[in-house]
Amino acid sequence: LTLNVGTIAGGDWPSNVPLECKVGFRMSFPVDWTAAQAQELITRRLD
């Protein structure tokens, strides 16, 4: 089971402080889990 950081986007100028950054992830989870279980795990960790 793995977590991949697949995309990242933020900032528009080297001399500006970036005000937003978006990161795209891909995570695998156990065969017998539902997607909702995996979503709950991620939400709890981010909180």
ModelCIF file with pLDDT and N, C-alpha, C, O atoms, coordinates in Angstrom:
data_MODEL
#
_entry.id   MODEL 
#
_entity.id                         1 
_entity.type                       polymer 
_entity.pdbx_number_of_molecules   1 
#
_entity_poly.entity_id                      1 
_entity_poly.type                           'polypeptide(L)' 
_entity_poly.nstd_linkage                   no 
_entity_poly.nstd_monomer                   no 
_entity_poly.pdbx_seq_one_letter_code       LTLNVGTIAGGDWPSNVPLECKVGFRMSFPVDWTAAQAQELITRRLD 
_entity_poly.pdbx_seq_one_letter_code_can   LTLNVGTIAGGDWPSNVPLECKVGFRMSFPVDWTAAQAQELITRRLD 
_entity_poly.pdbx_strand_id                 A 
#
loop_
_entity_poly_seq.entity_id 
_entity_poly_seq.num 
_entity_poly_seq.mon_id 
_entity_poly_seq.hetero 
1 1  LEU n 
1 2  THR n 
1 3  LEU n 
1 4  ASN n 
1 5  VAL n 
1 6  GLY n 
1 7  THR n 
1 8  ILE n 
1 9  ALA n 
1 10 GLY n 
1 11 GLY n 
1 12 ASP n 
1 13 TRP n 
1 14 PRO n 
1 15 SER n 
1 16 ASN n 
1 17 VAL n 
1 18 PRO n 
1 19 LEU n 
1 20 GLU n 
1 21 CYS n 
1 22 LYS n 
1 23 VAL n 
1 24 GLY n 
1 25 PHE n 
1 26 ARG n 
1 27 MET n 
1 28 SER n 
1 29 PHE n 
1 30 PRO n 
1 31 VAL n 
1 32 ASP n 
1 33 TRP n 
1 34 THR n 
1 35 ALA n 
1 36 ALA n 
1 37 GLN n 
1 38 ALA n 
1 39 GLN n 
1 40 GLU n 
1 41 LEU n 
1 42 ILE n 
1 43 THR n 
1 44 ARG n 
1 45 ARG n 
1 46 LEU n 
1 47 ASP n 
#
_struct_asym.id          A 
_struct_asym.entity_id   1 
#
loop_
_ma_qa_metric.id 
_ma_qa_metric.mode 
_ma_qa_metric.name 
_ma_qa_metric.software_group_id 
_ma_qa_metric.type 
1 global pLDDT . pLDDT 
2 local  pLDDT . pLDDT 
#
_ma_qa_metric_global.metric_id      1 
_ma_qa_metric_global.metric_value   96.72 
_ma_qa_metric_global.model_id       1 
_ma_qa_metric_global.ordinal_id     1 
#
loop_
_ma_qa_metric_local.label_asym_id 
_ma_qa_metric_local.label_comp_id 
_ma_qa_metric_local.label_seq_id 
_ma_qa_metric_local.metric_id 
_ma_qa_metric_local.metric_value 
_ma_qa_metric_local.model_id 
_ma_qa_metric_local.ordinal_id 
A LEU 1  2 98.00 1 1  
A THR 2  2 98.00 1 2  
A LEU 3  2 98.00 1 3  
A ASN 4  2 98.00 1 4  
A VAL 5  2 98.00 1 5  
A GLY 6  2 98.00 1 6  
A THR 7  2 98.00 1 7  
A ILE 8  2 98.00 1 8  
A ALA 9  2 98.00 1 9  
A GLY 10 2 97.00 1 10 
A GLY 11 2 94.00 1 11 
A ASP 12 2 93.00 1 12 
A TRP 13 2 91.00 1 13 
A PRO 14 2 93.00 1 14 
A SER 15 2 90.00 1 15 
A ASN 16 2 92.00 1 16 
A VAL 17 2 92.00 1 17 
A PRO 18 2 94.00 1 18 
A LEU 19 2 95.00 1 19 
A GLU 20 2 97.00 1 20 
A CYS 21 2 98.00 1 21 
A LYS 22 2 98.00 1 22 
A VAL 23 2 98.00 1 23 
A GLY 24 2 98.00 1 24 
A PHE 25 2 98.00 1 25 
A ARG 26 2 98.00 1 26 
A MET 27 2 98.00 1 27 
A SER 28 2 98.00 1 28 
A PHE 29 2 98.00 1 29 
A PRO 30 2 98.00 1 30 
A VAL 31 2 98.00 1 31 
A ASP 32 2 96.00 1 32 
A TRP 33 2 97.00 1 33 
A THR 34 2 97.00 1 34 
A ALA 35 2 97.00 1 35 
A ALA 36 2 97.00 1 36 
A GLN 37 2 97.00 1 37 
A ALA 38 2 98.00 1 38 
A GLN 39 2 98.00 1 39 
A GLU 40 2 98.00 1 40 
A LEU 41 2 98.00 1 41 
A ILE 42 2 98.00 1 42 
A THR 43 2 98.00 1 43 
A ARG 44 2 97.00 1 44 
A ARG 45 2 98.00 1 45 
A LEU 46 2 97.00 1 46 
A ASP 47 2 97.00 1 47 
#
loop_
_atom_site.group_PDB 
_atom_site.id 
_atom_site.type_symbol 
_atom_site.label_atom_id 
_atom_site.label_alt_id 
_atom_site.label_comp_id 
_atom_site.label_asym_id 
_atom_site.label_entity_id 
_atom_site.label_seq_id 
_atom_site.pdbx_PDB_ins_code 
_atom_site.Cartn_x 
_atom_site.Cartn_y 
_atom_site.Cartn_z 
_atom_site.occupancy 
_atom_site.B_iso_or_equiv 
_atom_site.pdbx_formal_charge 
_atom_site.auth_seq_id 
_atom_site.auth_comp_id 
_atom_site.auth_asym_id 
_atom_site.auth_atom_id 
_atom_site.pdbx_PDB_model_num 
ATOM 1   N N  . LEU A 1 1  ? 0.835   -1.192 0.000   1.00 98.00 ? 1  LEU A N  1 
ATOM 2   C CA . LEU A 1 1  ? 0.000   0.000  0.000   1.00 98.00 ? 1  LEU A CA 1 
ATOM 3   C C  . LEU A 1 1  ? 0.877   1.251  0.000   1.00 98.00 ? 1  LEU A C  1 
ATOM 4   O O  . LEU A 1 1  ? 1.810   1.355  0.796   1.00 98.00 ? 1  LEU A O  1 
ATOM 5   N N  . THR A 1 2  ? 0.582   2.195  -0.885  1.00 98.00 ? 2  THR A N  1 
ATOM 6   C CA . THR A 1 2  ? 1.455   3.344  -1.095  1.00 98.00 ? 2  THR A CA 1 
ATOM 7   C C  . THR A 1 2  ? 0.645   4.635  -1.210  1.00 98.00 ? 2  THR A C  1 
ATOM 8   O O  . THR A 1 2  ? -0.559  4.623  -1.464  1.00 98.00 ? 2  THR A O  1 
ATOM 9   N N  . LEU A 1 3  ? 1.364   5.759  -1.011  1.00 98.00 ? 3  LEU A N  1 
ATOM 10  C CA . LEU A 1 3  ? 0.817   7.092  -1.260  1.00 98.00 ? 3  LEU A CA 1 
ATOM 11  C C  . LEU A 1 3  ? 1.755   7.804  -2.218  1.00 98.00 ? 3  LEU A C  1 
ATOM 12  O O  . LEU A 1 3  ? 2.961   7.867  -1.981  1.00 98.00 ? 3  LEU A O  1 
ATOM 13  N N  . ASN A 1 4  ? 1.211   8.336  -3.292  1.00 98.00 ? 4  ASN A N  1 
ATOM 14  C CA . ASN A 1 4  ? 2.012   9.046  -4.279  1.00 98.00 ? 4  ASN A CA 1 
ATOM 15  C C  . ASN A 1 4  ? 1.597   10.513 -4.344  1.00 98.00 ? 4  ASN A C  1 
ATOM 16  O O  . ASN A 1 4  ? 0.411   10.831 -4.429  1.00 98.00 ? 4  ASN A O  1 
ATOM 17  N N  . VAL A 1 5  ? 2.600   11.411 -4.302  1.00 98.00 ? 5  VAL A N  1 
ATOM 18  C CA . VAL A 1 5  ? 2.367   12.828 -4.578  1.00 98.00 ? 5  VAL A CA 1 
ATOM 19  C C  . VAL A 1 5  ? 2.543   13.000 -6.078  1.00 98.00 ? 5  VAL A C  1 
ATOM 20  O O  . VAL A 1 5  ? 3.665   13.001 -6.585  1.00 98.00 ? 5  VAL A O  1 
ATOM 21  N N  . GLY A 1 6  ? 1.421   13.148 -6.790  1.00 98.00 ? 6  GLY A N  1 
ATOM 22  C CA . GLY A 1 6  ? 1.477   13.103 -8.250  1.00 98.00 ? 6  GLY A CA 1 
ATOM 23  C C  . GLY A 1 6  ? 1.537   14.445 -8.927  1.00 98.00 ? 6  GLY A C  1 
ATOM 24  O O  . GLY A 1 6  ? 2.130   14.557 -10.000 1.00 98.00 ? 6  GLY A O  1 
ATOM 25  N N  . THR A 1 7  ? 0.938   15.484 -8.338  1.00 98.00 ? 7  THR A N  1 
ATOM 26  C CA . THR A 1 7  ? 0.943   16.821 -8.934  1.00 98.00 ? 7  THR A CA 1 
ATOM 27  C C  . THR A 1 7  ? 1.089   17.858 -7.826  1.00 98.00 ? 7  THR A C  1 
ATOM 28  O O  . THR A 1 7  ? 0.673   17.641 -6.688  1.00 98.00 ? 7  THR A O  1 
ATOM 29  N N  . ILE A 1 8  ? 1.694   19.002 -8.191  1.00 98.00 ? 8  ILE A N  1 
ATOM 30  C CA . ILE A 1 8  ? 1.765   20.134 -7.271  1.00 98.00 ? 8  ILE A CA 1 
ATOM 31  C C  . ILE A 1 8  ? 1.769   21.413 -8.104  1.00 98.00 ? 8  ILE A C  1 
ATOM 32  O O  . ILE A 1 8  ? 2.478   21.506 -9.106  1.00 98.00 ? 8  ILE A O  1 
ATOM 33  N N  . ALA A 1 9  ? 0.977   22.392 -7.686  1.00 98.00 ? 9  ALA A N  1 
ATOM 34  C CA . ALA A 1 9  ? 0.879   23.653 -8.415  1.00 98.00 ? 9  ALA A CA 1 
ATOM 35  C C  . ALA A 1 9  ? 0.741   24.783 -7.405  1.00 98.00 ? 9  ALA A C  1 
ATOM 36  O O  . ALA A 1 9  ? -0.149  24.760 -6.554  1.00 98.00 ? 9  ALA A O  1 
ATOM 37  N N  . GLY A 1 10 ? 1.629   25.777 -7.504  1.00 97.00 ? 10 GLY A N  1 
ATOM 38  C CA . GLY A 1 10 ? 1.548   26.905 -6.594  1.00 97.00 ? 10 GLY A CA 1 
ATOM 39  C C  . GLY A 1 10 ? 2.466   28.016 -7.031  1.00 97.00 ? 10 GLY A C  1 
ATOM 40  O O  . GLY A 1 10 ? 3.548   27.769 -7.564  1.00 97.00 ? 10 GLY A O  1 
ATOM 41  N N  . GLY A 1 11 ? 2.033   29.247 -6.804  1.00 94.00 ? 11 GLY A N  1 
ATOM 42  C CA . GLY A 1 11 ? 2.870   30.404 -7.109  1.00 94.00 ? 11 GLY A CA 1 
ATOM 43  C C  . GLY A 1 11 ? 2.833   30.811 -8.563  1.00 94.00 ? 11 GLY A C  1 
ATOM 44  O O  . GLY A 1 11 ? 2.497   30.025 -9.449  1.00 94.00 ? 11 GLY A O  1 
ATOM 45  N N  . ASP A 1 12 ? 3.199   32.100 -8.788  1.00 93.00 ? 12 ASP A N  1 
ATOM 46  C CA . ASP A 1 12 ? 3.218   32.608 -10.161 1.00 93.00 ? 12 ASP A CA 1 
ATOM 47  C C  . ASP A 1 12 ? 4.425   33.492 -10.453 1.00 93.00 ? 12 ASP A C  1 
ATOM 48  O O  . ASP A 1 12 ? 4.561   34.004 -11.565 1.00 93.00 ? 12 ASP A O  1 
ATOM 49  N N  . TRP A 1 13 ? 5.326   33.682 -9.442  1.00 91.00 ? 13 TRP A N  1 
ATOM 50  C CA . TRP A 1 13 ? 6.454   34.590 -9.652  1.00 91.00 ? 13 TRP A CA 1 
ATOM 51  C C  . TRP A 1 13 ? 7.466   34.351 -8.546  1.00 91.00 ? 13 TRP A C  1 
ATOM 52  O O  . TRP A 1 13 ? 7.073   34.263 -7.383  1.00 91.00 ? 13 TRP A O  1 
ATOM 53  N N  . PRO A 1 14 ? 8.761   34.240 -8.858  1.00 93.00 ? 14 PRO A N  1 
ATOM 54  C CA . PRO A 1 14 ? 9.752   33.958 -7.813  1.00 93.00 ? 14 PRO A CA 1 
ATOM 55  C C  . PRO A 1 14 ? 9.792   34.988 -6.686  1.00 93.00 ? 14 PRO A C  1 
ATOM 56  O O  . PRO A 1 14 ? 10.163  34.655 -5.560  1.00 93.00 ? 14 PRO A O  1 
ATOM 57  N N  . SER A 1 15 ? 9.415   36.231 -6.973  1.00 90.00 ? 15 SER A N  1 
ATOM 58  C CA . SER A 1 15 ? 9.457   37.272 -5.949  1.00 90.00 ? 15 SER A CA 1 
ATOM 59  C C  . SER A 1 15 ? 8.098   37.527 -5.299  1.00 90.00 ? 15 SER A C  1 
ATOM 60  O O  . SER A 1 15 ? 7.951   38.485 -4.540  1.00 90.00 ? 15 SER A O  1 
ATOM 61  N N  . ASN A 1 16 ? 7.105   36.687 -5.583  1.00 92.00 ? 16 ASN A N  1 
ATOM 62  C CA . ASN A 1 16 ? 5.813   36.755 -4.905  1.00 92.00 ? 16 ASN A CA 1 
ATOM 63  C C  . ASN A 1 16 ? 5.686   35.605 -3.921  1.00 92.00 ? 16 ASN A C  1 
ATOM 64  O O  . ASN A 1 16 ? 6.178   34.505 -4.171  1.00 92.00 ? 16 ASN A O  1 
ATOM 65  N N  . VAL A 1 17 ? 5.029   35.861 -2.811  1.00 92.00 ? 17 VAL A N  1 
ATOM 66  C CA . VAL A 1 17 ? 4.712   34.787 -1.878  1.00 92.00 ? 17 VAL A CA 1 
ATOM 67  C C  . VAL A 1 17 ? 3.519   34.013 -2.427  1.00 92.00 ? 17 VAL A C  1 
ATOM 68  O O  . VAL A 1 17 ? 2.459   34.605 -2.632  1.00 92.00 ? 17 VAL A O  1 
ATOM 69  N N  . PRO A 1 18 ? 3.654   32.714 -2.671  1.00 94.00 ? 18 PRO A N  1 
ATOM 70  C CA . PRO A 1 18 ? 2.518   31.953 -3.209  1.00 94.00 ? 18 PRO A CA 1 
ATOM 71  C C  . PRO A 1 18 ? 1.385   31.884 -2.189  1.00 94.00 ? 18 PRO A C  1 
ATOM 72  O O  . PRO A 1 18 ? 1.585   31.502 -1.036  1.00 94.00 ? 18 PRO A O  1 
ATOM 73  N N  . LEU A 1 19 ? 0.196   32.262 -2.639  1.00 95.00 ? 19 LEU A N  1 
ATOM 74  C CA . LEU A 1 19 ? -0.970  32.319 -1.756  1.00 95.00 ? 19 LEU A CA 1 
ATOM 75  C C  . LEU A 1 19 ? -1.826  31.072 -1.845  1.00 95.00 ? 19 LEU A C  1 
ATOM 76  O O  . LEU A 1 19 ? -2.763  30.909 -1.063  1.00 95.00 ? 19 LEU A O  1 
ATOM 77  N N  . GLU A 1 20 ? -1.523  30.191 -2.783  1.00 97.00 ? 20 GLU A N  1 
ATOM 78  C CA . GLU A 1 20 ? -2.289  28.946 -2.891  1.00 97.00 ? 20 GLU A CA 1 
ATOM 79  C C  . GLU A 1 20 ? -1.383  27.862 -3.441  1.00 97.00 ? 20 GLU A C  1 
ATOM 80  O O  . GLU A 1 20 ? -0.541  28.118 -4.301  1.00 97.00 ? 20 GLU A O  1 
ATOM 81  N N  . CYS A 1 21 ? -1.559  26.671 -2.946  1.00 98.00 ? 21 CYS A N  1 
ATOM 82  C CA . CYS A 1 21 ? -0.831  25.512 -3.469  1.00 98.00 ? 21 CYS A CA 1 
ATOM 83  C C  . CYS A 1 21 ? -1.773  24.323 -3.473  1.00 98.00 ? 21 CYS A C  1 
ATOM 84  O O  . CYS A 1 21 ? -2.401  24.013 -2.461  1.00 98.00 ? 21 CYS A O  1 
ATOM 85  N N  . LYS A 1 22 ? -1.868  23.658 -4.615  1.00 98.00 ? 22 LYS A N  1 
ATOM 86  C CA . LYS A 1 22 ? -2.710  22.470 -4.769  1.00 98.00 ? 22 LYS A CA 1 
ATOM 87  C C  . LYS A 1 22 ? -1.826  21.259 -4.997  1.00 98.00 ? 22 LYS A C  1 
ATOM 88  O O  . LYS A 1 22 ? -0.924  21.278 -5.835  1.00 98.00 ? 22 LYS A O  1 
ATOM 89  N N  . VAL A 1 23 ? -2.096  20.210 -4.244  1.00 98.00 ? 23 VAL A N  1 
ATOM 90  C CA . VAL A 1 23 ? -1.308  18.981 -4.343  1.00 98.00 ? 23 VAL A CA 1 
ATOM 91  C C  . VAL A 1 23 ? -2.254  17.822 -4.642  1.00 98.00 ? 23 VAL A C  1 
ATOM 92  O O  . VAL A 1 23 ? -3.258  17.638 -3.953  1.00 98.00 ? 23 VAL A O  1 
ATOM 93  N N  . GLY A 1 24 ? -1.931  17.044 -5.668  1.00 98.00 ? 24 GLY A N  1 
ATOM 94  C CA . GLY A 1 24 ? -2.735  15.887 -6.041  1.00 98.00 ? 24 GLY A CA 1 
ATOM 95  C C  . GLY A 1 24 ? -2.089  14.595 -5.568  1.00 98.00 ? 24 GLY A C  1 
ATOM 96  O O  . GLY A 1 24 ? -0.893  14.386 -5.767  1.00 98.00 ? 24 GLY A O  1 
ATOM 97  N N  . PHE A 1 25 ? -2.874  13.732 -4.946  1.00 98.00 ? 25 PHE A N  1 
ATOM 98  C CA . PHE A 1 25 ? -2.382  12.483 -4.364  1.00 98.00 ? 25 PHE A CA 1 
ATOM 99  C C  . PHE A 1 25 ? -3.112  11.284 -4.952  1.00 98.00 ? 25 PHE A C  1 
ATOM 100 O O  . PHE A 1 25 ? -4.249  11.375 -5.413  1.00 98.00 ? 25 PHE A O  1 
ATOM 101 N N  . ARG A 1 26 ? -2.413  10.162 -4.915  1.00 98.00 ? 26 ARG A N  1 
ATOM 102 C CA . ARG A 1 26 ? -3.017  8.861  -5.214  1.00 98.00 ? 26 ARG A CA 1 
ATOM 103 C C  . ARG A 1 26 ? -2.630  7.924  -4.077  1.00 98.00 ? 26 ARG A C  1 
ATOM 104 O O  . ARG A 1 26 ? -1.448  7.769  -3.771  1.00 98.00 ? 26 ARG A O  1 
ATOM 105 N N  . MET A 1 27 ? -3.624  7.299  -3.451  1.00 98.00 ? 27 MET A N  1 
ATOM 106 C CA . MET A 1 27 ? -3.350  6.382  -2.355  1.00 98.00 ? 27 MET A CA 1 
ATOM 107 C C  . MET A 1 27 ? -4.050  5.056  -2.593  1.00 98.00 ? 27 MET A C  1 
ATOM 108 O O  . MET A 1 27 ? -5.215  5.023  -2.989  1.00 98.00 ? 27 MET A O  1 
ATOM 109 N N  . SER A 1 28 ? -3.333  3.953  -2.350  1.00 98.00 ? 28 SER A N  1 
ATOM 110 C CA . SER A 1 28 ? -3.964  2.636  -2.415  1.00 98.00 ? 28 SER A CA 1 
ATOM 111 C C  . SER A 1 28 ? -4.407  2.223  -1.020  1.00 98.00 ? 28 SER A C  1 
ATOM 112 O O  . SER A 1 28 ? -3.849  2.669  -0.017  1.00 98.00 ? 28 SER A O  1 
ATOM 113 N N  . PHE A 1 29 ? -5.424  1.357  -0.973  1.00 98.00 ? 29 PHE A N  1 
ATOM 114 C CA . PHE A 1 29 ? -5.982  0.930  0.309   1.00 98.00 ? 29 PHE A CA 1 
ATOM 115 C C  . PHE A 1 29 ? -6.380  -0.537 0.232   1.00 98.00 ? 29 PHE A C  1 
ATOM 116 O O  . PHE A 1 29 ? -6.449  -1.098 -0.862  1.00 98.00 ? 29 PHE A O  1 
ATOM 117 N N  . PRO A 1 30 ? -6.645  -1.174 1.379   1.00 98.00 ? 30 PRO A N  1 
ATOM 118 C CA . PRO A 1 30 ? -6.852  -2.623 1.402   1.00 98.00 ? 30 PRO A CA 1 
ATOM 119 C C  . PRO A 1 30 ? -7.991  -3.107 0.508   1.00 98.00 ? 30 PRO A C  1 
ATOM 120 O O  . PRO A 1 30 ? -8.970  -2.403 0.262   1.00 98.00 ? 30 PRO A O  1 
ATOM 121 N N  . VAL A 1 31 ? -7.819  -4.336 0.036   1.00 98.00 ? 31 VAL A N  1 
ATOM 122 C CA . VAL A 1 31 ? -8.764  -4.949 -0.900  1.00 98.00 ? 31 VAL A CA 1 
ATOM 123 C C  . VAL A 1 31 ? -10.180 -4.977 -0.337  1.00 98.00 ? 31 VAL A C  1 
ATOM 124 O O  . VAL A 1 31 ? -11.143 -4.764 -1.074  1.00 98.00 ? 31 VAL A O  1 
ATOM 125 N N  . ASP A 1 32 ? -10.314 -5.237 0.955   1.00 96.00 ? 32 ASP A N  1 
ATOM 126 C CA . ASP A 1 32 ? -11.643 -5.418 1.533   1.00 96.00 ? 32 ASP A CA 1 
ATOM 127 C C  . ASP A 1 32 ? -12.241 -4.132 2.109   1.00 96.00 ? 32 ASP A C  1 
ATOM 128 O O  . ASP A 1 32 ? -13.299 -4.178 2.736   1.00 96.00 ? 32 ASP A O  1 
ATOM 129 N N  . TRP A 1 33 ? -11.584 -2.992 1.907   1.00 97.00 ? 33 TRP A N  1 
ATOM 130 C CA . TRP A 1 33 ? -12.137 -1.711 2.350   1.00 97.00 ? 33 TRP A CA 1 
ATOM 131 C C  . TRP A 1 33 ? -13.061 -1.135 1.282   1.00 97.00 ? 33 TRP A C  1 
ATOM 132 O O  . TRP A 1 33 ? -12.943 -1.456 0.100   1.00 97.00 ? 33 TRP A O  1 
ATOM 133 N N  . THR A 1 34 ? -13.972 -0.286 1.715   1.00 97.00 ? 34 THR A N  1 
ATOM 134 C CA . THR A 1 34 ? -14.718 0.557  0.790   1.00 97.00 ? 34 THR A CA 1 
ATOM 135 C C  . THR A 1 34 ? -13.932 1.846  0.568   1.00 97.00 ? 34 THR A C  1 
ATOM 136 O O  . THR A 1 34 ? -13.053 2.195  1.357   1.00 97.00 ? 34 THR A O  1 
ATOM 137 N N  . ALA A 1 35 ? -14.259 2.544  -0.514  1.00 97.00 ? 35 ALA A N  1 
ATOM 138 C CA . ALA A 1 35 ? -13.620 3.843  -0.750  1.00 97.00 ? 35 ALA A CA 1 
ATOM 139 C C  . ALA A 1 35 ? -13.961 4.811  0.379   1.00 97.00 ? 35 ALA A C  1 
ATOM 140 O O  . ALA A 1 35 ? -13.136 5.647  0.749   1.00 97.00 ? 35 ALA A O  1 
ATOM 141 N N  . ALA A 1 36 ? -15.171 4.703  0.929   1.00 97.00 ? 36 ALA A N  1 
ATOM 142 C CA . ALA A 1 36 ? -15.573 5.596  2.018   1.00 97.00 ? 36 ALA A CA 1 
ATOM 143 C C  . ALA A 1 36 ? -14.685 5.412  3.249   1.00 97.00 ? 36 ALA A C  1 
ATOM 144 O O  . ALA A 1 36 ? -14.378 6.387  3.934   1.00 97.00 ? 36 ALA A O  1 
ATOM 145 N N  . GLN A 1 37 ? -14.271 4.182  3.539   1.00 97.00 ? 37 GLN A N  1 
ATOM 146 C CA . GLN A 1 37 ? -13.367 3.948  4.663   1.00 97.00 ? 37 GLN A CA 1 
ATOM 147 C C  . GLN A 1 37 ? -12.029 4.651  4.442   1.00 97.00 ? 37 GLN A C  1 
ATOM 148 O O  . GLN A 1 37 ? -11.479 5.260  5.360   1.00 97.00 ? 37 GLN A O  1 
ATOM 149 N N  . ALA A 1 38 ? -11.517 4.563  3.228   1.00 98.00 ? 38 ALA A N  1 
ATOM 150 C CA . ALA A 1 38 ? -10.248 5.215  2.921   1.00 98.00 ? 38 ALA A CA 1 
ATOM 151 C C  . ALA A 1 38 ? -10.392 6.734  2.982   1.00 98.00 ? 38 ALA A C  1 
ATOM 152 O O  . ALA A 1 38 ? -9.497  7.423  3.471   1.00 98.00 ? 38 ALA A O  1 
ATOM 153 N N  . GLN A 1 39 ? -11.503 7.251  2.493   1.00 98.00 ? 39 GLN A N  1 
ATOM 154 C CA . GLN A 1 39 ? -11.749 8.692  2.560   1.00 98.00 ? 39 GLN A CA 1 
ATOM 155 C C  . GLN A 1 39 ? -11.811 9.173  4.010   1.00 98.00 ? 39 GLN A C  1 
ATOM 156 O O  . GLN A 1 39 ? -11.296 10.242 4.339   1.00 98.00 ? 39 GLN A O  1 
ATOM 157 N N  . GLU A 1 40 ? -12.437 8.384  4.864   1.00 98.00 ? 40 GLU A N  1 
ATOM 158 C CA . GLU A 1 40 ? -12.535 8.759  6.274   1.00 98.00 ? 40 GLU A CA 1 
ATOM 159 C C  . GLU A 1 40 ? -11.152 8.808  6.918   1.00 98.00 ? 40 GLU A C  1 
ATOM 160 O O  . GLU A 1 40 ? -10.868 9.710  7.706   1.00 98.00 ? 40 GLU A O  1 
ATOM 161 N N  . LEU A 1 41 ? -10.293 7.846  6.587   1.00 98.00 ? 41 LEU A N  1 
ATOM 162 C CA . LEU A 1 41 ? -8.938  7.824  7.124   1.00 98.00 ? 41 LEU A CA 1 
ATOM 163 C C  . LEU A 1 41 ? -8.170  9.076  6.705   1.00 98.00 ? 41 LEU A C  1 
ATOM 164 O O  . LEU A 1 41 ? -7.516  9.707  7.535   1.00 98.00 ? 41 LEU A O  1 
ATOM 165 N N  . ILE A 1 42 ? -8.242  9.434  5.443   1.00 98.00 ? 42 ILE A N  1 
ATOM 166 C CA . ILE A 1 42 ? -7.527  10.609 4.928   1.00 98.00 ? 42 ILE A CA 1 
ATOM 167 C C  . ILE A 1 42 ? -8.072  11.877 5.570   1.00 98.00 ? 42 ILE A C  1 
ATOM 168 O O  . ILE A 1 42 ? -7.300  12.752 5.962   1.00 98.00 ? 42 ILE A O  1 
ATOM 169 N N  . THR A 1 43 ? -9.388  11.987 5.681   1.00 98.00 ? 43 THR A N  1 
ATOM 170 C CA . THR A 1 43 ? -9.996  13.175 6.278   1.00 98.00 ? 43 THR A CA 1 
ATOM 171 C C  . THR A 1 43 ? -9.553  13.350 7.729   1.00 98.00 ? 43 THR A C  1 
ATOM 172 O O  . THR A 1 43 ? -9.232  14.460 8.153   1.00 98.00 ? 43 THR A O  1 
ATOM 173 N N  . ARG A 1 44 ? -9.537  12.255 8.487   1.00 97.00 ? 44 ARG A N  1 
ATOM 174 C CA . ARG A 1 44 ? -9.104  12.324 9.887   1.00 97.00 ? 44 ARG A CA 1 
ATOM 175 C C  . ARG A 1 44 ? -7.654  12.779 9.981   1.00 97.00 ? 44 ARG A C  1 
ATOM 176 O O  . ARG A 1 44 ? -7.315  13.617 10.816  1.00 97.00 ? 44 ARG A O  1 
ATOM 177 N N  . ARG A 1 45 ? -6.801  12.229 9.125   1.00 98.00 ? 45 ARG A N  1 
ATOM 178 C CA . ARG A 1 45 ? -5.386  12.600 9.177   1.00 98.00 ? 45 ARG A CA 1 
ATOM 179 C C  . ARG A 1 45 ? -5.207  14.078 8.808   1.00 98.00 ? 45 ARG A C  1 
ATOM 180 O O  . ARG A 1 45 ? -4.438  14.784 9.460   1.00 98.00 ? 45 ARG A O  1 
ATOM 181 N N  . LEU A 1 46 ? -5.898  14.546 7.787   1.00 97.00 ? 46 LEU A N  1 
ATOM 182 C CA . LEU A 1 46 ? -5.763  15.950 7.388   1.00 97.00 ? 46 LEU A CA 1 
ATOM 183 C C  . LEU A 1 46 ? -6.289  16.881 8.479   1.00 97.00 ? 46 LEU A C  1 
ATOM 184 O O  . LEU A 1 46 ? -5.708  17.937 8.730   1.00 97.00 ? 46 LEU A O  1 
ATOM 185 N N  . ASP A 1 47 ? -7.383  16.493 9.122   1.00 97.00 ? 47 ASP A N  1 
ATOM 186 C CA . ASP A 1 47 ? -7.902  17.289 10.237  1.00 97.00 ? 47 ASP A CA 1 
ATOM 187 C C  . ASP A 1 47 ? -6.879  17.361 11.375  1.00 97.00 ? 47 ASP A C  1 
ATOM 188 O O  . ASP A 1 47 ? -7.140  17.989 12.401  1.00 97.00 ? 47 ASP A O  1 
#
